[in-house]
Amino acid sequence: MPTLLSLNSYHYRRGGSETVYFNHAALFADHGWTTRSYAMRHPDNLPCAEEAFFPECIDYGGAGGSKRNLGNALKIIWSQEARDNLARLLDRDAVDVAHVHSIYHHLSPSVLAELKQRRLPVVMTAHDLKLACPNNKMLNAGGVCERCKGGRVWNAVRYRCIKDSALASSVIAVESAVHKALNLYGRHLDRIIAPSRFYRAKLIEWGWPEEQIVHIPNFVDAPSSDRLEPGRGEHVLYFGRLAPEKGLETLIRAAARSRRPVRLAGTGPIEEPLRDLAMTLDAPVTFLGFLAGAALWAEVEEARAVVLPSEWYENGPMSVIEAFVRGRPLIGARIGGIPELIVEDQTGWSFESGNIDDLADKLDRVSRTKADELEAMALATRSFALKHHSREAYYGAMSALYREIGVAA
């Protein structure tokens, strides 16, 4: 069987892209493939047979002297260390295909050049919009932003798109300008995987060749039990990062307006402002803190529905698919790839992103939905997930793509 090399900045479960990075490799290992990993060093990394080859961790935006920060800035654009270490790994272990996940700012596209010099087929999953936008989210302090379209990357500096910092925005604007001028991603990637149809369309809109981008949805493992029941709670649940782009201020205001209970599972940079807002509005919102594993899934199964009130271009959110296989419908904002997951009144309900009244109306509607209707929706969400996001469908589509670019299974 072939050997798969998976590349990602981090080798621990940090977020959705890391979940896909690990799950993808594990799935192919289950089908008999040999798997190898390549990431940067990090104290939270999981044990890995290839870790001796990992390059030094880049503390992007972290503290340090000006010389260290300059060195990091140069590595963000082109990390020779990452390329050299990868070359040593490939000298030791032959691989048949490389699947790249999130490597920006850390491994850099230098690793792509090494892979293609060795004539290896290379695929990348677009977990975000970095291949188009310097800020990877098409978002800044003013909201959704597409001003860099057409190569106008200096808008990232003008609008301080990176952490609202002129310095960080300047570094990333230079990175993006260099990468685009040299076409470092375009000429080194055989295919790009877009987990949502929205991301495929957006990348094409920003100039990527149609034939280079393939839509393959992410997959999720269904729980072993087929027993589905509506949630016993009266609340809806948000679980994920507490960050500005997630629309959580809108959610809290909608909860206050509708007087319908909401629970938030997660932590993040705006947790304290959100707590203050909920207290000021006397909103029926409970903060659960960080949850994972069985504790998180117990919360999901207790809720009447899950809610994703995002105000940026979400891709194909893993959190929603995980909720679907557990029979929980979605209240989702009409933005990015979220609408692709909603069949109205079957797998969920949609609302206008950022619209407090519309979201309050949906919270009220969910609260008034009868148990037999929720039971039917539980079956619909599980069926949707198993049809579009199963292991079998994902492996079939991905292995077919690998064969198409010359990997003999």
Protein backbone atom coordinates (compact mmCIF):
# COMPACT_ATOMS: atom_id res chain seq x y z
CA MET A 1 0.00 0.00 0.00
CA PRO A 2 1.14 3.61 -0.57
CA THR A 3 2.67 5.92 2.02
CA LEU A 4 0.87 9.15 2.93
CA LEU A 5 2.73 12.16 4.34
CA SER A 6 0.50 14.61 6.23
CA LEU A 7 1.80 18.13 6.91
CA ASN A 8 0.35 20.64 9.38
CA SER A 9 1.74 23.42 11.55
CA TYR A 10 0.64 21.76 14.80
CA HIS A 11 0.67 18.11 15.85
CA TYR A 12 -1.97 18.32 18.56
CA ARG A 13 -5.75 18.78 18.49
CA ARG A 14 -5.81 22.57 18.52
CA GLY A 15 -8.87 23.21 16.32
CA GLY A 16 -10.94 21.98 13.40
CA SER A 17 -8.07 21.82 10.90
CA GLU A 18 -6.02 19.68 13.28
CA THR A 19 -9.00 17.38 13.80
CA VAL A 20 -9.15 16.82 10.04
CA TYR A 21 -5.35 16.41 9.85
CA PHE A 22 -5.39 13.62 12.43
CA ASN A 23 -8.63 11.99 11.27
CA HIS A 24 -7.55 11.93 7.62
CA ALA A 25 -4.29 10.15 8.43
CA ALA A 26 -6.02 7.70 10.78
CA LEU A 27 -8.63 6.85 8.15
CA PHE A 28 -6.02 6.02 5.54
CA ALA A 29 -4.04 4.01 8.11
CA ASP A 30 -7.21 2.02 8.78
CA HIS A 31 -7.28 1.18 5.06
CA GLY A 32 -3.74 -0.18 5.15
CA TRP A 33 -1.75 2.88 4.15
CA THR A 34 1.55 3.73 5.83
CA THR A 35 1.37 7.23 7.29
CA ARG A 36 3.99 9.81 8.18
CA SER A 37 3.58 13.23 9.80
CA TYR A 38 5.42 16.53 9.58
CA ALA A 39 4.77 19.60 11.76
CA MET A 40 6.70 22.12 13.83
CA ARG A 41 7.89 21.46 17.36
CA HIS A 42 5.49 22.46 20.07
CA PRO A 43 5.22 21.57 23.77
CA ASP A 44 1.63 20.36 23.29
CA ASN A 45 2.43 18.03 20.37
CA LEU A 46 1.34 14.42 20.62
CA PRO A 47 4.05 11.74 20.39
CA CYS A 48 5.16 11.21 16.79
CA ALA A 49 7.74 8.92 15.19
CA GLU A 50 8.91 11.77 12.94
CA GLU A 51 9.26 14.46 15.61
CA ALA A 52 13.06 14.47 15.44
CA PHE A 53 12.70 16.08 12.01
CA PHE A 54 10.23 18.79 13.07
CA PRO A 55 11.53 22.38 12.71
CA GLU A 56 11.67 24.86 15.56
CA CYS A 57 8.38 26.33 16.76
CA ILE A 58 7.67 29.81 15.38
CA ASP A 59 6.03 32.00 18.01
CA TYR A 60 4.09 34.09 15.51
CA GLY A 61 3.28 37.42 17.13
CA GLY A 62 4.93 36.37 20.40
CA ALA A 63 7.38 38.18 22.61
CA GLY A 64 11.07 38.34 21.88
CA GLY A 65 13.85 40.65 20.79
CA SER A 66 13.81 42.49 17.49
CA LYS A 67 16.37 40.10 15.99
CA ARG A 68 14.24 37.07 16.92
CA ASN A 69 11.09 38.73 15.60
CA LEU A 70 12.84 39.57 12.31
CA GLY A 71 13.96 35.95 12.02
CA ASN A 72 10.41 34.76 12.61
CA ALA A 73 9.09 37.22 10.03
CA LEU A 74 11.48 35.83 7.42
CA LYS A 75 10.54 32.24 8.32
CA ILE A 76 6.86 33.11 7.86
CA ILE A 77 7.66 33.99 4.24
CA TRP A 78 10.10 31.12 3.61
CA SER A 79 11.36 28.67 6.23
CA GLN A 80 14.55 27.10 4.98
CA GLU A 81 14.77 25.10 8.20
CA ALA A 82 11.36 23.53 7.53
CA ARG A 83 12.43 22.61 3.98
CA ASP A 84 15.81 21.21 5.04
CA ASN A 85 14.31 19.09 7.83
CA LEU A 86 11.63 17.78 5.50
CA ALA A 87 14.32 16.84 2.98
CA ARG A 88 16.10 14.80 5.65
CA LEU A 89 12.84 13.02 6.50
CA LEU A 90 12.16 12.26 2.84
CA ASP A 91 15.73 10.99 2.38
CA ARG A 92 14.99 8.48 5.13
CA ASP A 93 11.36 7.60 4.31
CA ALA A 94 9.96 7.38 0.80
CA VAL A 95 6.36 8.61 0.44
CA ASP A 96 3.88 8.41 -2.42
CA VAL A 97 1.66 11.45 -1.81
CA ALA A 98 1.75 14.53 0.41
CA HIS A 99 -1.42 15.98 1.89
CA VAL A 100 -0.94 19.48 3.25
CA HIS A 101 -3.26 21.08 5.79
CA SER A 102 -2.58 24.43 7.54
CA ILE A 103 1.10 25.28 7.04
CA TYR A 104 0.94 29.07 6.68
CA HIS A 105 3.16 31.25 8.91
CA HIS A 106 4.92 28.18 10.34
CA LEU A 107 6.15 25.56 7.86
CA SER A 108 5.68 28.01 4.95
CA PRO A 109 5.44 27.05 1.25
CA SER A 110 9.14 26.13 1.30
CA VAL A 111 7.99 22.58 2.08
CA LEU A 112 5.88 22.55 -1.09
CA ALA A 113 8.94 23.36 -3.17
CA GLU A 114 10.80 20.41 -1.63
CA LEU A 115 7.90 18.05 -2.30
CA LYS A 116 7.56 19.07 -5.95
CA GLN A 117 11.32 18.96 -6.52
CA ARG A 118 10.99 15.27 -5.67
CA ARG A 119 8.05 14.99 -8.13
CA LEU A 120 5.61 14.00 -5.41
CA PRO A 121 1.86 14.54 -5.89
CA VAL A 122 0.73 17.28 -3.48
CA VAL A 123 -2.81 18.02 -2.28
CA MET A 124 -3.91 20.73 0.15
CA THR A 125 -7.14 21.00 2.16
CA ALA A 126 -8.29 24.63 2.32
CA HIS A 127 -9.41 24.86 5.94
CA ASP A 128 -9.63 28.65 5.59
CA LEU A 129 -9.30 31.29 2.86
CA LYS A 130 -5.57 32.01 3.20
CA LEU A 131 -4.99 30.96 -0.42
CA ALA A 132 -6.94 34.09 -1.37
CA CYS A 133 -6.89 36.49 1.59
CA PRO A 134 -3.80 37.57 3.60
CA ASN A 135 -5.91 37.37 6.77
CA ASN A 136 -7.26 33.88 5.90
CA LYS A 137 -10.78 34.79 7.13
CA MET A 138 -11.71 37.68 4.81
CA LEU A 139 -12.48 39.54 8.02
CA ASN A 140 -11.23 42.56 9.94
CA ALA A 141 -12.48 44.77 12.76
CA GLY A 142 -15.10 46.22 10.41
CA GLY A 143 -16.56 42.84 9.44
CA VAL A 144 -16.32 40.73 6.29
CA CYS A 145 -13.73 42.24 3.92
CA GLU A 146 -12.72 41.34 0.36
CA ARG A 147 -10.66 44.44 -0.44
CA CYS A 148 -7.51 42.43 -1.27
CA LYS A 149 -9.24 40.76 -4.22
CA GLY A 150 -7.20 41.16 -7.41
CA GLY A 151 -3.87 41.17 -5.54
CA ARG A 152 -4.41 44.42 -3.60
CA VAL A 153 -2.81 42.89 -0.50
CA TRP A 154 -1.68 46.24 0.96
CA ASN A 155 -5.26 46.76 2.07
CA ALA A 156 -4.37 44.34 4.86
CA VAL A 157 -2.03 47.03 6.23
CA ARG A 158 -4.43 49.91 5.60
CA TYR A 159 -7.22 48.22 7.54
CA ARG A 160 -4.96 46.47 10.11
CA CYS A 161 -6.49 43.12 9.22
CA ILE A 162 -4.08 41.01 11.30
CA LYS A 163 -4.78 41.28 15.03
CA ASP A 164 -5.62 44.99 14.48
CA SER A 165 -1.83 45.53 14.40
CA ALA A 166 0.02 47.61 11.79
CA LEU A 167 3.22 45.58 12.30
CA ALA A 168 1.62 42.14 12.10
CA SER A 169 -0.48 43.25 9.14
CA SER A 170 2.62 44.54 7.33
CA VAL A 171 4.47 41.23 7.83
CA ILE A 172 1.56 39.20 6.51
CA ALA A 173 0.98 41.59 3.60
CA VAL A 174 4.62 41.13 2.55
CA GLU A 175 4.26 37.36 2.97
CA SER A 176 1.15 37.32 0.81
CA ALA A 177 2.67 39.60 -1.85
CA VAL A 178 5.79 37.43 -2.17
CA HIS A 179 3.85 34.17 -2.25
CA LYS A 180 1.45 35.50 -4.90
CA ALA A 181 4.22 37.04 -7.04
CA LEU A 182 6.12 33.73 -7.09
CA ASN A 183 2.90 31.66 -7.29
CA LEU A 184 4.32 29.41 -4.58
CA TYR A 185 1.04 27.68 -3.83
CA GLY A 186 -0.45 27.59 -7.32
CA ARG A 187 2.49 25.95 -9.06
CA HIS A 188 3.27 23.45 -6.30
CA LEU A 189 -0.20 22.09 -5.57
CA ASP A 190 -1.79 19.46 -7.80
CA ARG A 191 -5.23 19.86 -6.22
CA ILE A 192 -6.91 21.91 -3.50
CA ILE A 193 -9.70 20.35 -1.44
CA ALA A 194 -12.58 22.68 -0.56
CA PRO A 195 -14.73 21.16 2.23
CA SER A 196 -17.62 23.47 1.29
CA ARG A 197 -19.03 24.44 -2.09
CA PHE A 198 -18.87 28.04 -0.89
CA TYR A 199 -15.08 27.87 -0.42
CA ARG A 200 -14.63 26.33 -3.86
CA ALA A 201 -16.69 29.11 -5.45
CA LYS A 202 -14.91 31.84 -3.46
CA LEU A 203 -11.42 30.62 -4.39
CA ILE A 204 -12.42 30.44 -8.06
CA GLU A 205 -13.90 33.95 -7.78
CA TRP A 206 -10.53 35.14 -6.49
CA GLY A 207 -8.68 33.68 -9.47
CA TRP A 208 -7.91 30.04 -8.74
CA PRO A 209 -8.36 27.67 -11.72
CA GLU A 210 -11.63 25.74 -11.54
CA GLU A 211 -9.97 22.44 -12.42
CA GLN A 212 -7.52 22.74 -9.51
CA ILE A 213 -10.18 22.85 -6.78
CA VAL A 214 -12.25 19.83 -5.76
CA HIS A 215 -15.17 19.85 -3.32
CA ILE A 216 -14.89 17.00 -0.79
CA PRO A 217 -16.80 17.48 2.51
CA ASN A 218 -15.11 16.58 5.78
CA PHE A 219 -16.16 13.36 7.49
CA VAL A 220 -17.20 12.46 11.00
CA ASP A 221 -17.56 9.15 12.83
CA ALA A 222 -21.09 8.41 14.01
CA PRO A 223 -21.57 7.34 17.64
CA SER A 224 -21.91 3.59 18.07
CA SER A 225 -25.50 3.88 19.31
CA ASP A 226 -28.28 4.30 16.74
CA ARG A 227 -30.69 5.46 19.43
CA LEU A 228 -31.80 9.04 18.89
CA GLU A 229 -33.90 11.15 21.19
CA PRO A 230 -34.66 14.87 21.26
CA GLY A 231 -32.69 16.87 23.79
CA ARG A 232 -34.30 16.99 27.21
CA GLY A 233 -33.16 20.54 27.92
CA GLU A 234 -35.01 23.73 27.08
CA HIS A 235 -31.86 25.48 25.87
CA VAL A 236 -29.80 25.70 22.69
CA LEU A 237 -26.03 25.18 22.77
CA TYR A 238 -23.09 26.93 21.14
CA PHE A 239 -19.77 25.10 21.40
CA GLY A 240 -16.52 26.40 20.05
CA ARG A 241 -14.12 29.28 20.40
CA LEU A 242 -15.37 32.48 22.02
CA ALA A 243 -14.06 34.82 19.33
CA PRO A 244 -15.40 37.98 17.65
CA GLU A 245 -16.14 36.36 14.29
CA LYS A 246 -18.46 33.79 15.86
CA GLY A 247 -21.35 36.27 16.31
CA LEU A 248 -21.71 35.57 20.03
CA GLU A 249 -22.60 39.14 20.96
CA THR A 250 -25.51 38.85 18.53
CA LEU A 251 -26.47 35.53 20.15
CA ILE A 252 -26.47 37.00 23.67
CA ARG A 253 -28.57 39.96 22.57
CA ALA A 254 -30.99 37.58 20.83
CA ALA A 255 -31.23 35.45 23.97
CA ALA A 256 -31.99 38.56 26.03
CA ARG A 257 -34.66 39.63 23.55
CA SER A 258 -36.35 36.22 23.25
CA ARG A 259 -35.81 35.19 26.90
CA ARG A 260 -34.87 31.73 25.62
CA PRO A 261 -31.96 29.99 27.41
CA VAL A 262 -28.60 29.58 25.71
CA ARG A 263 -25.49 27.71 26.91
CA LEU A 264 -21.97 28.49 25.68
CA ALA A 265 -19.24 25.83 25.84
CA GLY A 266 -15.77 27.13 25.15
CA THR A 267 -13.19 29.75 25.98
CA GLY A 268 -11.54 32.49 23.99
CA PRO A 269 -10.37 36.09 23.81
CA ILE A 270 -13.79 37.72 24.28
CA GLU A 271 -15.08 35.57 27.13
CA GLU A 272 -15.00 38.35 29.73
CA PRO A 273 -16.72 40.97 27.50
CA LEU A 274 -19.40 38.39 26.67
CA ARG A 275 -19.95 37.63 30.36
CA ASP A 276 -20.25 41.35 31.06
CA LEU A 277 -22.74 41.79 28.22
CA ALA A 278 -24.87 38.87 29.40
CA MET A 279 -24.91 40.29 32.93
CA THR A 280 -25.76 43.80 31.72
CA LEU A 281 -28.67 42.54 29.61
CA ASP A 282 -29.75 39.96 32.20
CA ALA A 283 -29.63 37.45 29.33
CA PRO A 284 -30.48 33.79 30.10
CA VAL A 285 -26.98 32.65 29.09
CA THR A 286 -24.84 30.08 30.93
CA PHE A 287 -21.08 29.91 30.39
CA LEU A 288 -19.83 26.33 30.69
CA GLY A 289 -16.12 26.90 30.07
CA PHE A 290 -14.01 24.52 28.01
CA LEU A 291 -15.53 21.08 27.43
CA ALA A 292 -14.25 18.11 25.44
CA GLY A 293 -14.95 14.44 24.92
CA ALA A 294 -17.81 12.80 26.80
CA ALA A 295 -18.64 15.97 28.76
CA LEU A 296 -19.08 17.96 25.56
CA TRP A 297 -21.17 15.32 23.80
CA ALA A 298 -23.39 15.02 26.87
CA GLU A 299 -24.09 18.76 26.58
CA VAL A 300 -24.81 18.43 22.85
CA GLU A 301 -27.26 15.60 23.46
CA GLU A 302 -29.02 17.53 26.23
CA ALA A 303 -29.69 20.58 24.02
CA ARG A 304 -32.78 21.07 21.85
CA ALA A 305 -30.55 22.39 19.07
CA VAL A 306 -27.08 23.78 18.46
CA VAL A 307 -26.49 27.31 17.22
CA LEU A 308 -23.76 28.77 15.01
CA PRO A 309 -24.28 32.54 14.70
CA SER A 310 -21.09 33.24 12.73
CA GLU A 311 -20.35 36.58 11.12
CA TRP A 312 -17.50 35.41 8.90
CA TYR A 313 -17.19 32.95 6.01
CA GLU A 314 -17.33 29.61 7.83
CA ASN A 315 -16.18 26.62 5.79
CA GLY A 316 -17.75 23.23 6.59
CA PRO A 317 -17.86 23.42 10.40
CA MET A 318 -16.93 20.15 12.07
CA SER A 319 -18.92 21.16 15.15
CA VAL A 320 -22.16 21.10 13.15
CA ILE A 321 -21.45 17.71 11.60
CA GLU A 322 -20.60 16.31 15.05
CA ALA A 323 -23.94 17.63 16.34
CA PHE A 324 -25.82 16.21 13.36
CA VAL A 325 -24.66 12.64 13.97
CA ARG A 326 -26.00 13.05 17.50
CA GLY A 327 -29.37 14.15 16.18
CA ARG A 328 -29.22 17.84 17.00
CA PRO A 329 -30.56 20.35 14.45
CA LEU A 330 -28.80 23.63 13.73
CA ILE A 331 -29.76 27.26 14.05
CA GLY A 332 -27.26 28.65 11.56
CA ALA A 333 -26.34 32.03 10.12
CA ARG A 334 -26.72 32.41 6.37
CA ILE A 335 -23.04 33.00 5.66
CA GLY A 336 -20.17 31.00 4.14
CA GLY A 337 -20.69 27.25 4.00
CA ILE A 338 -23.27 27.09 6.81
CA PRO A 339 -26.38 27.20 4.55
CA GLU A 340 -25.14 24.05 2.78
CA LEU A 341 -25.88 22.14 5.98
CA ILE A 342 -29.43 23.40 6.47
CA VAL A 343 -32.55 21.93 4.94
CA GLU A 344 -35.15 24.27 6.40
CA ASP A 345 -37.32 22.67 9.08
CA GLN A 346 -35.54 19.34 8.55
CA THR A 347 -31.91 19.71 9.59
CA GLY A 348 -32.35 23.17 11.06
CA TRP A 349 -33.30 26.80 10.64
CA SER A 350 -31.33 29.65 9.09
CA PHE A 351 -31.25 33.34 9.92
CA GLU A 352 -29.60 36.45 8.52
CA SER A 353 -26.08 36.72 9.88
CA GLY A 354 -25.82 39.51 12.45
CA ASN A 355 -29.59 40.04 12.66
CA ILE A 356 -30.59 39.99 16.34
CA ASP A 357 -34.34 39.97 15.70
CA ASP A 358 -34.12 37.11 13.18
CA LEU A 359 -32.02 35.01 15.55
CA ALA A 360 -34.33 35.79 18.49
CA ASP A 361 -37.23 34.60 16.37
CA LYS A 362 -35.43 31.32 15.64
CA LEU A 363 -34.60 30.79 19.31
CA ASP A 364 -38.27 31.24 20.11
CA ARG A 365 -39.27 28.91 17.28
CA VAL A 366 -36.97 26.14 18.54
CA SER A 367 -38.36 26.52 22.03
CA ARG A 368 -41.90 26.03 20.68
CA THR A 369 -41.02 23.04 18.47
CA LYS A 370 -42.81 19.92 19.66
CA ALA A 371 -41.03 16.74 20.74
CA ASP A 372 -42.26 14.68 17.78
CA GLU A 373 -40.97 17.32 15.36
CA LEU A 374 -37.59 17.36 17.08
CA GLU A 375 -37.51 13.57 16.90
CA ALA A 376 -38.09 13.73 13.14
CA MET A 377 -35.33 16.34 12.85
CA ALA A 378 -32.96 14.13 14.84
CA LEU A 379 -33.41 11.41 12.25
CA ALA A 380 -33.00 13.92 9.41
CA THR A 381 -29.76 15.36 10.77
CA ARG A 382 -28.24 11.92 11.36
CA SER A 383 -29.29 10.84 7.86
CA PHE A 384 -27.81 14.02 6.33
CA ALA A 385 -24.49 13.50 8.11
CA LEU A 386 -24.22 9.84 7.17
CA LYS A 387 -25.04 10.60 3.53
CA HIS A 388 -22.72 13.55 3.00
CA HIS A 389 -20.06 13.24 5.71
CA SER A 390 -19.40 9.54 6.24
CA ARG A 391 -16.00 7.86 6.44
CA GLU A 392 -16.84 5.79 3.37
CA ALA A 393 -17.85 8.74 1.21
CA TYR A 394 -14.77 10.72 2.22
CA TYR A 395 -12.33 7.86 1.71
CA GLY A 396 -13.85 7.00 -1.66
CA ALA A 397 -13.67 10.59 -2.94
CA MET A 398 -10.19 11.25 -1.56
CA SER A 399 -8.62 7.99 -2.74
CA ALA A 400 -10.15 8.57 -6.21
CA LEU A 401 -8.53 12.02 -6.24
CA TYR A 402 -5.17 10.53 -5.24
CA ARG A 403 -5.44 8.04 -8.11
CA GLU A 404 -6.27 10.88 -10.49
CA ILE A 405 -2.99 12.63 -9.67
CA GLY A 406 -0.94 9.48 -10.07
CA VAL A 407 -0.99 7.65 -6.73
CA ALA A 408 -1.36 3.91 -7.25
CA ALA A 409 -3.34 2.35 -4.41
